[in-house]
């Protein structure tokens, strides 16, 4: 399971719109999107890919990191894989 943390997203943005954005830049269909609540003006989402290896996600991350999208410069960080057994 590979996870991508997207920060500084424009609000409101739907999960469908976020998924379409990622697909447009070569990402596979995500398994889940979890919103991370915060007190600041930089909404964050955790995007989970069950069918995509971390190496594949790492190769695509640079396509969207620091990209200007929806009036914001978004960040894309690959989270290390965790053993949840």
PDB file of N, CA and C in Angstrom:
ATOM      1  N   UNK A   1       0.850  -1.179   0.000  1.00  0.00           N
ATOM      2  CA  UNK A   1       0.000   0.000   0.000  1.00  0.00           C
ATOM      3  C   UNK A   1       0.893   1.239   0.000  1.00  0.00           C
ATOM      4  N   UNK A   2       0.696   2.096  -0.961  1.00  0.00           N
ATOM      5  CA  UNK A   2       1.453   3.341  -1.065  1.00  0.00           C
ATOM      6  C   UNK A   2       0.533   4.509  -0.715  1.00  0.00           C
ATOM      7  N   UNK A   3       1.109   5.503  -0.038  1.00  0.00           N
ATOM      8  CA  UNK A   3       0.316   6.648   0.408  1.00  0.00           C
ATOM      9  C   UNK A   3       0.983   7.947  -0.019  1.00  0.00           C
ATOM     10  N   UNK A   4       0.154   8.857  -0.513  1.00  0.00           N
ATOM     11  CA  UNK A   4       0.620  10.160  -0.970  1.00  0.00           C
ATOM     12  C   UNK A   4      -0.104  11.232  -0.174  1.00  0.00           C
ATOM     13  N   UNK A   5       0.649  12.114   0.442  1.00  0.00           N
ATOM     14  CA  UNK A   5       0.078  13.203   1.229  1.00  0.00           C
ATOM     15  C   UNK A   5       0.080  14.462   0.366  1.00  0.00           C
ATOM     16  N   UNK A   6      -1.110  14.976   0.093  1.00  0.00           N
ATOM     17  CA  UNK A   6      -1.252  16.189  -0.715  1.00  0.00           C
ATOM     18  C   UNK A   6      -1.622  17.348   0.194  1.00  0.00           C
ATOM     19  N   UNK A   7      -0.855  18.410   0.132  1.00  0.00           N
ATOM     20  CA  UNK A   7      -1.094  19.553   0.998  1.00  0.00           C
ATOM     21  C   UNK A   7      -1.381  20.822   0.233  1.00  0.00           C
ATOM     22  N   UNK A   8      -1.957  21.779   0.936  1.00  0.00           N
ATOM     23  CA  UNK A   8      -2.304  23.099   0.422  1.00  0.00           C
ATOM     24  C   UNK A   8      -3.346  23.018  -0.695  1.00  0.00           C
ATOM     25  N   UNK A   9      -4.335  22.153  -0.503  1.00  0.00           N
ATOM     26  CA  UNK A   9      -5.400  21.990  -1.496  1.00  0.00           C
ATOM     27  C   UNK A   9      -6.422  23.107  -1.377  1.00  0.00           C
ATOM     28  N   UNK A  10      -7.010  23.445  -2.493  1.00  0.00           N
ATOM     29  CA  UNK A  10      -8.092  24.436  -2.516  1.00  0.00           C
ATOM     30  C   UNK A  10      -9.345  23.805  -1.927  1.00  0.00           C
ATOM     31  N   UNK A  11     -10.067  24.549  -1.132  1.00  0.00           N
ATOM     32  CA  UNK A  11     -11.340  24.070  -0.579  1.00  0.00           C
ATOM     33  C   UNK A  11     -12.468  24.831  -1.229  1.00  0.00           C
ATOM     34  N   UNK A  12     -13.586  24.274  -1.501  1.00  0.00           N
ATOM     35  CA  UNK A  12     -13.857  22.834  -1.418  1.00  0.00           C
ATOM     36  C   UNK A  12     -13.446  22.143  -2.710  1.00  0.00           C
ATOM     37  N   UNK A  13     -12.960  20.945  -2.584  1.00  0.00           N
ATOM     38  CA  UNK A  13     -12.623  20.110  -3.738  1.00  0.00           C
ATOM     39  C   UNK A  13     -13.142  18.709  -3.446  1.00  0.00           C
ATOM     40  N   UNK A  14     -13.821  18.130  -4.401  1.00  0.00           N
ATOM     41  CA  UNK A  14     -14.413  16.807  -4.180  1.00  0.00           C
ATOM     42  C   UNK A  14     -13.364  15.710  -4.372  1.00  0.00           C
ATOM     43  N   UNK A  15     -13.652  14.547  -3.809  1.00  0.00           N
ATOM     44  CA  UNK A  15     -12.770  13.399  -3.988  1.00  0.00           C
ATOM     45  C   UNK A  15     -12.684  13.010  -5.459  1.00  0.00           C
ATOM     46  N   UNK A  16     -13.796  13.130  -6.172  1.00  0.00           N
ATOM     47  CA  UNK A  16     -13.815  12.797  -7.594  1.00  0.00           C
ATOM     48  C   UNK A  16     -12.899  13.732  -8.386  1.00  0.00           C
ATOM     49  N   UNK A  17     -12.956  15.009  -8.070  1.00  0.00           N
ATOM     50  CA  UNK A  17     -12.119  15.990  -8.762  1.00  0.00           C
ATOM     51  C   UNK A  17     -10.641  15.750  -8.468  1.00  0.00           C
ATOM     52  N   UNK A  18     -10.330  15.414  -7.236  1.00  0.00           N
ATOM     53  CA  UNK A  18      -8.950  15.118  -6.860  1.00  0.00           C
ATOM     54  C   UNK A  18      -8.470  13.852  -7.570  1.00  0.00           C
ATOM     55  N   UNK A  19      -9.316  12.836  -7.630  1.00  0.00           N
ATOM     56  CA  UNK A  19      -8.969  11.602  -8.334  1.00  0.00           C
ATOM     57  C   UNK A  19      -8.738  11.831  -9.821  1.00  0.00           C
ATOM     58  N   UNK A  20      -9.570  12.658 -10.442  1.00  0.00           N
ATOM     59  CA  UNK A  20      -9.405  12.982 -11.863  1.00  0.00           C
ATOM     60  C   UNK A  20      -8.097  13.725 -12.109  1.00  0.00           C
ATOM     61  N   UNK A  21      -7.748  14.626 -11.208  1.00  0.00           N
ATOM     62  CA  UNK A  21      -6.486  15.363 -11.320  1.00  0.00           C
ATOM     63  C   UNK A  21      -5.304  14.395 -11.304  1.00  0.00           C
ATOM     64  N   UNK A  22      -5.305  13.463 -10.361  1.00  0.00           N
ATOM     65  CA  UNK A  22      -4.204  12.507 -10.254  1.00  0.00           C
ATOM     66  C   UNK A  22      -4.138  11.595 -11.478  1.00  0.00           C
ATOM     67  N   UNK A  23      -5.274  11.147 -11.961  1.00  0.00           N
ATOM     68  CA  UNK A  23      -5.319  10.282 -13.143  1.00  0.00           C
ATOM     69  C   UNK A  23      -4.777  11.011 -14.366  1.00  0.00           C
ATOM     70  N   UNK A  24      -5.066  12.291 -14.470  1.00  0.00           N
ATOM     71  CA  UNK A  24      -4.586  13.100 -15.596  1.00  0.00           C
ATOM     72  C   UNK A  24      -3.060  13.119 -15.657  1.00  0.00           C
ATOM     73  N   UNK A  25      -2.402  12.989 -14.518  1.00  0.00           N
ATOM     74  CA  UNK A  25      -0.942  13.033 -14.479  1.00  0.00           C
ATOM     75  C   UNK A  25      -0.310  11.653 -14.337  1.00  0.00           C
ATOM     76  N   UNK A  26      -1.057  10.598 -14.673  1.00  0.00           N
ATOM     77  CA  UNK A  26      -0.479   9.268 -14.777  1.00  0.00           C
ATOM     78  C   UNK A  26      -0.673   8.352 -13.591  1.00  0.00           C
ATOM     79  N   UNK A  27      -1.300   8.827 -12.534  1.00  0.00           N
ATOM     80  CA  UNK A  27      -1.524   7.986 -11.364  1.00  0.00           C
ATOM     81  C   UNK A  27      -2.640   6.988 -11.659  1.00  0.00           C
ATOM     82  N   UNK A  28      -2.569   5.823 -11.023  1.00  0.00           N
ATOM     83  CA  UNK A  28      -3.661   4.863 -11.160  1.00  0.00           C
ATOM     84  C   UNK A  28      -4.823   5.319 -10.279  1.00  0.00           C
ATOM     85  N   UNK A  29      -5.940   4.644 -10.423  1.00  0.00           N
ATOM     86  CA  UNK A  29      -7.114   4.975  -9.607  1.00  0.00           C
ATOM     87  C   UNK A  29      -6.769   4.763  -8.135  1.00  0.00           C
ATOM     88  N   UNK A  30      -7.056   5.733  -7.306  1.00  0.00           N
ATOM     89  CA  UNK A  30      -6.747   5.605  -5.882  1.00  0.00           C
ATOM     90  C   UNK A  30      -7.791   4.731  -5.192  1.00  0.00           C
ATOM     91  N   UNK A  31      -7.374   4.102  -4.100  1.00  0.00           N
ATOM     92  CA  UNK A  31      -8.267   3.226  -3.336  1.00  0.00           C
ATOM     93  C   UNK A  31      -9.109   4.011  -2.349  1.00  0.00           C
ATOM     94  N   UNK A  32      -8.527   5.074  -1.793  1.00  0.00           N
ATOM     95  CA  UNK A  32      -9.252   5.881  -0.808  1.00  0.00           C
ATOM     96  C   UNK A  32      -8.609   7.254  -0.698  1.00  0.00           C
ATOM     97  N   UNK A  33      -9.417   8.214  -0.283  1.00  0.00           N
ATOM     98  CA  UNK A  33      -8.938   9.565   0.011  1.00  0.00           C
ATOM     99  C   UNK A  33      -9.439   9.915   1.400  1.00  0.00           C
ATOM    100  N   UNK A  34      -8.507  10.267   2.278  1.00  0.00           N
ATOM    101  CA  UNK A  34      -8.873  10.655   3.640  1.00  0.00           C
ATOM    102  C   UNK A  34      -8.470  12.110   3.855  1.00  0.00           C
ATOM    103  N   UNK A  35      -9.406  12.890   4.294  1.00  0.00           N
ATOM    104  CA  UNK A  35      -9.126  14.299   4.597  1.00  0.00           C
ATOM    105  C   UNK A  35      -8.503  14.384   5.985  1.00  0.00           C
ATOM    106  N   UNK A  36      -7.493  15.210   6.104  1.00  0.00           N
ATOM    107  CA  UNK A  36      -6.825  15.399   7.386  1.00  0.00           C
ATOM    108  C   UNK A  36      -7.210  16.772   7.900  1.00  0.00           C
ATOM    109  N   UNK A  37      -7.972  16.803   8.982  1.00  0.00           N
ATOM    110  CA  UNK A  37      -8.419  18.093   9.513  1.00  0.00           C
ATOM    111  C   UNK A  37      -7.247  18.890  10.083  1.00  0.00           C
ATOM    112  N   UNK A  38      -7.345  20.179   9.950  1.00  0.00           N
ATOM    113  CA  UNK A  38      -6.326  21.066  10.484  1.00  0.00           C
ATOM    114  C   UNK A  38      -6.922  22.416  10.802  1.00  0.00           C
ATOM    115  N   UNK A  39      -6.196  23.180  11.559  1.00  0.00           N
ATOM    116  CA  UNK A  39      -6.688  24.489  11.971  1.00  0.00           C
ATOM    117  C   UNK A  39      -6.274  25.586  10.999  1.00  0.00           C
ATOM    118  N   UNK A  40      -5.368  25.274  10.100  1.00  0.00           N
ATOM    119  CA  UNK A  40      -4.843  26.295   9.206  1.00  0.00           C
ATOM    120  C   UNK A  40      -5.596  26.404   7.900  1.00  0.00           C
ATOM    121  N   UNK A  41      -5.021  27.196   7.012  1.00  0.00           N
ATOM    122  CA  UNK A  41      -5.649  27.460   5.717  1.00  0.00           C
ATOM    123  C   UNK A  41      -5.060  26.580   4.621  1.00  0.00           C
ATOM    124  N   UNK A  42      -4.445  25.459   5.004  1.00  0.00           N
ATOM    125  CA  UNK A  42      -3.824  24.571   4.025  1.00  0.00           C
ATOM    126  C   UNK A  42      -4.384  23.164   4.159  1.00  0.00           C
ATOM    127  N   UNK A  43      -5.573  22.917   3.628  1.00  0.00           N
ATOM    128  CA  UNK A  43      -6.189  21.593   3.736  1.00  0.00           C
ATOM    129  C   UNK A  43      -5.298  20.498   3.142  1.00  0.00           C
ATOM    130  N   UNK A  44      -5.359  19.329   3.757  1.00  0.00           N
ATOM    131  CA  UNK A  44      -4.513  18.208   3.380  1.00  0.00           C
ATOM    132  C   UNK A  44      -5.360  16.965   3.144  1.00  0.00           C
ATOM    133  N   UNK A  45      -4.901  16.119   2.243  1.00  0.00           N
ATOM    134  CA  UNK A  45      -5.577  14.849   1.977  1.00  0.00           C
ATOM    135  C   UNK A  45      -4.536  13.740   1.878  1.00  0.00           C
ATOM    136  N   UNK A  46      -4.876  12.588   2.426  1.00  0.00           N
ATOM    137  CA  UNK A  46      -4.048  11.396   2.312  1.00  0.00           C
ATOM    138  C   UNK A  46      -4.686  10.516   1.242  1.00  0.00           C
ATOM    139  N   UNK A  47      -3.933  10.259   0.182  1.00  0.00           N
ATOM    140  CA  UNK A  47      -4.443   9.460  -0.935  1.00  0.00           C
ATOM    141  C   UNK A  47      -3.769   8.093  -0.868  1.00  0.00           C
ATOM    142  N   UNK A  48      -4.587   7.041  -0.836  1.00  0.00           N
ATOM    143  CA  UNK A  48      -4.087   5.681  -0.660  1.00  0.00           C
ATOM    144  C   UNK A  48      -4.232   4.913  -1.968  1.00  0.00           C
ATOM    145  N   UNK A  49      -3.146   4.237  -2.353  1.00  0.00           N
ATOM    146  CA  UNK A  49      -3.116   3.418  -3.561  1.00  0.00           C
ATOM    147  C   UNK A  49      -2.780   1.985  -3.152  1.00  0.00           C
ATOM    148  N   UNK A  50      -3.755   1.100  -3.167  1.00  0.00           N
ATOM    149  CA  UNK A  50      -3.513  -0.300  -2.807  1.00  0.00           C
ATOM    150  C   UNK A  50      -2.848  -1.078  -3.929  1.00  0.00           C
ATOM    151  N   UNK A  51      -3.083  -0.682  -5.173  1.00  0.00           N
ATOM    152  CA  UNK A  51      -2.582  -1.437  -6.325  1.00  0.00           C
ATOM    153  C   UNK A  51      -1.367  -0.802  -6.985  1.00  0.00           C
ATOM    154  N   UNK A  52      -0.733   0.135  -6.315  1.00  0.00           N
ATOM    155  CA  UNK A  52       0.414   0.812  -6.909  1.00  0.00           C
ATOM    156  C   UNK A  52       1.598   0.712  -5.945  1.00  0.00           C
ATOM    157  N   UNK A  53       2.743   0.213  -6.418  1.00  0.00           N
ATOM    158  CA  UNK A  53       3.907   0.127  -5.537  1.00  0.00           C
ATOM    159  C   UNK A  53       4.479   1.509  -5.233  1.00  0.00           C
ATOM    160  N   UNK A  54       5.180   1.601  -4.130  1.00  0.00           N
ATOM    161  CA  UNK A  54       5.758   2.881  -3.710  1.00  0.00           C
ATOM    162  C   UNK A  54       6.738   3.425  -4.750  1.00  0.00           C
ATOM    163  N   UNK A  55       7.484   2.549  -5.414  1.00  0.00           N
ATOM    164  CA  UNK A  55       8.433   3.012  -6.436  1.00  0.00           C
ATOM    165  C   UNK A  55       7.715   3.681  -7.605  1.00  0.00           C
ATOM    166  N   UNK A  56       6.589   3.130  -7.993  1.00  0.00           N
ATOM    167  CA  UNK A  56       5.800   3.735  -9.064  1.00  0.00           C
ATOM    168  C   UNK A  56       5.239   5.080  -8.656  1.00  0.00           C
ATOM    169  N   UNK A  57       4.799   5.165  -7.418  1.00  0.00           N
ATOM    170  CA  UNK A  57       4.261   6.422  -6.903  1.00  0.00           C
ATOM    171  C   UNK A  57       5.361   7.475  -6.790  1.00  0.00           C
ATOM    172  N   UNK A  58       6.547   7.047  -6.392  1.00  0.00           N
ATOM    173  CA  UNK A  58       7.683   7.966  -6.273  1.00  0.00           C
ATOM    174  C   UNK A  58       8.035   8.567  -7.633  1.00  0.00           C
ATOM    175  N   UNK A  59       7.945   7.763  -8.679  1.00  0.00           N
ATOM    176  CA  UNK A  59       8.259   8.252 -10.024  1.00  0.00           C
ATOM    177  C   UNK A  59       7.261   9.309 -10.486  1.00  0.00           C
ATOM    178  N   UNK A  60       6.011   9.196 -10.048  1.00  0.00           N
ATOM    179  CA  UNK A  60       4.973  10.140 -10.467  1.00  0.00           C
ATOM    180  C   UNK A  60       4.867  11.367  -9.559  1.00  0.00           C
ATOM    181  N   UNK A  61       5.361  11.255  -8.350  1.00  0.00           N
ATOM    182  CA  UNK A  61       5.232  12.335  -7.366  1.00  0.00           C
ATOM    183  C   UNK A  61       5.780  13.659  -7.890  1.00  0.00           C
ATOM    184  N   UNK A  62       6.912  13.609  -8.559  1.00  0.00           N
ATOM    185  CA  UNK A  62       7.547  14.845  -9.032  1.00  0.00           C
ATOM    186  C   UNK A  62       6.706  15.573 -10.082  1.00  0.00           C
ATOM    187  N   UNK A  63       5.776  14.880 -10.708  1.00  0.00           N
ATOM    188  CA  UNK A  63       4.920  15.522 -11.708  1.00  0.00           C
ATOM    189  C   UNK A  63       3.981  16.552 -11.089  1.00  0.00           C
ATOM    190  N   UNK A  64       3.588  16.334  -9.839  1.00  0.00           N
ATOM    191  CA  UNK A  64       2.602  17.235  -9.235  1.00  0.00           C
ATOM    192  C   UNK A  64       3.134  18.016  -8.036  1.00  0.00           C
ATOM    193  N   UNK A  65       4.310  17.643  -7.497  1.00  0.00           N
ATOM    194  CA  UNK A  65       4.854  18.365  -6.342  1.00  0.00           C
ATOM    195  C   UNK A  65       5.201  19.800  -6.742  1.00  0.00           C
ATOM    196  N   UNK A  66       4.724  20.744  -5.963  1.00  0.00           N
ATOM    197  CA  UNK A  66       4.918  22.183  -6.200  1.00  0.00           C
ATOM    198  C   UNK A  66       4.217  22.685  -7.463  1.00  0.00           C
ATOM    199  N   UNK A  67       3.220  21.948  -7.922  1.00  0.00           N
ATOM    200  CA  UNK A  67       2.432  22.370  -9.082  1.00  0.00           C
ATOM    201  C   UNK A  67       1.389  23.403  -8.646  1.00  0.00           C
ATOM    202  N   UNK A  68       1.140  24.379  -9.489  1.00  0.00           N
ATOM    203  CA  UNK A  68       0.097  25.365  -9.233  1.00  0.00           C
ATOM    204  C   UNK A  68      -1.204  24.810  -9.783  1.00  0.00           C
ATOM    205  N   UNK A  69      -2.167  24.536  -8.898  1.00  0.00           N
ATOM    206  CA  UNK A  69      -3.453  23.945  -9.294  1.00  0.00           C
ATOM    207  C   UNK A  69      -4.558  24.551  -8.453  1.00  0.00           C
ATOM    208  N   UNK A  70      -5.593  25.014  -9.092  1.00  0.00           N
ATOM    209  CA  UNK A  70      -6.753  25.600  -8.405  1.00  0.00           C
ATOM    210  C   UNK A  70      -6.331  26.753  -7.478  1.00  0.00           C
ATOM    211  N   UNK A  71      -5.530  27.650  -7.994  1.00  0.00           N
ATOM    212  CA  UNK A  71      -5.090  28.848  -7.265  1.00  0.00           C
ATOM    213  C   UNK A  71      -4.192  28.558  -6.075  1.00  0.00           C
ATOM    214  N   UNK A  72      -3.592  27.386  -6.026  1.00  0.00           N
ATOM    215  CA  UNK A  72      -2.691  27.032  -4.923  1.00  0.00           C
ATOM    216  C   UNK A  72      -1.499  26.239  -5.454  1.00  0.00           C
ATOM    217  N   UNK A  73      -0.374  26.382  -4.771  1.00  0.00           N
ATOM    218  CA  UNK A  73       0.801  25.569  -5.060  1.00  0.00           C
ATOM    219  C   UNK A  73       0.728  24.353  -4.145  1.00  0.00           C
ATOM    220  N   UNK A  74       0.426  23.192  -4.716  1.00  0.00           N
ATOM    221  CA  UNK A  74       0.221  22.004  -3.890  1.00  0.00           C
ATOM    222  C   UNK A  74       1.541  21.280  -3.629  1.00  0.00           C
ATOM    223  N   UNK A  75       1.567  20.547  -2.536  1.00  0.00           N
ATOM    224  CA  UNK A  75       2.720  19.719  -2.205  1.00  0.00           C
ATOM    225  C   UNK A  75       2.305  18.261  -2.274  1.00  0.00           C
ATOM    226  N   UNK A  76       3.230  17.414  -2.670  1.00  0.00           N
ATOM    227  CA  UNK A  76       2.973  15.974  -2.756  1.00  0.00           C
ATOM    228  C   UNK A  76       4.134  15.247  -2.095  1.00  0.00           C
ATOM    229  N   UNK A  77       3.844  14.561  -1.007  1.00  0.00           N
ATOM    230  CA  UNK A  77       4.872  13.842  -0.265  1.00  0.00           C
ATOM    231  C   UNK A  77       4.518  12.368  -0.198  1.00  0.00           C
ATOM    232  N   UNK A  78       5.482  11.528  -0.509  1.00  0.00           N
ATOM    233  CA  UNK A  78       5.291  10.088  -0.430  1.00  0.00           C
ATOM    234  C   UNK A  78       5.579   9.651   0.999  1.00  0.00           C
ATOM    235  N   UNK A  79       4.626   8.988   1.627  1.00  0.00           N
ATOM    236  CA  UNK A  79       4.817   8.511   2.992  1.00  0.00           C
ATOM    237  C   UNK A  79       5.468   7.136   2.965  1.00  0.00           C
ATOM    238  N   UNK A  80       6.360   6.872   3.916  1.00  0.00           N
ATOM    239  CA  UNK A  80       6.994   5.550   3.954  1.00  0.00           C
ATOM    240  C   UNK A  80       5.967   4.464   4.261  1.00  0.00           C
ATOM    241  N   UNK A  81       6.204   3.289   3.694  1.00  0.00           N
ATOM    242  CA  UNK A  81       5.289   2.176   3.939  1.00  0.00           C
ATOM    243  C   UNK A  81       5.418   1.707   5.377  1.00  0.00           C
ATOM    244  N   UNK A  82       4.259   1.322   5.945  1.00  0.00           N
ATOM    245  CA  UNK A  82       4.232   0.840   7.326  1.00  0.00           C
ATOM    246  C   UNK A  82       3.792  -0.612   7.340  1.00  0.00           C
ATOM    247  N   UNK A  83       4.344  -1.350   8.263  1.00  0.00           N
ATOM    248  CA  UNK A  83       3.920  -2.729   8.457  1.00  0.00           C
ATOM    249  C   UNK A  83       2.798  -2.724   9.479  1.00  0.00           C
ATOM    250  N   UNK A  84       1.588  -3.018   9.030  1.00  0.00           N
ATOM    251  CA  UNK A  84       0.425  -2.950   9.911  1.00  0.00           C
ATOM    252  C   UNK A  84      -0.025  -4.331  10.374  1.00  0.00           C
ATOM    253  N   UNK A  85       0.922  -5.258  10.488  1.00  0.00           N
ATOM    254  CA  UNK A  85       0.559  -6.598  10.963  1.00  0.00           C
ATOM    255  C   UNK A  85       0.672  -6.713  12.454  1.00  0.00           C
TER     256      UNK A  85
END
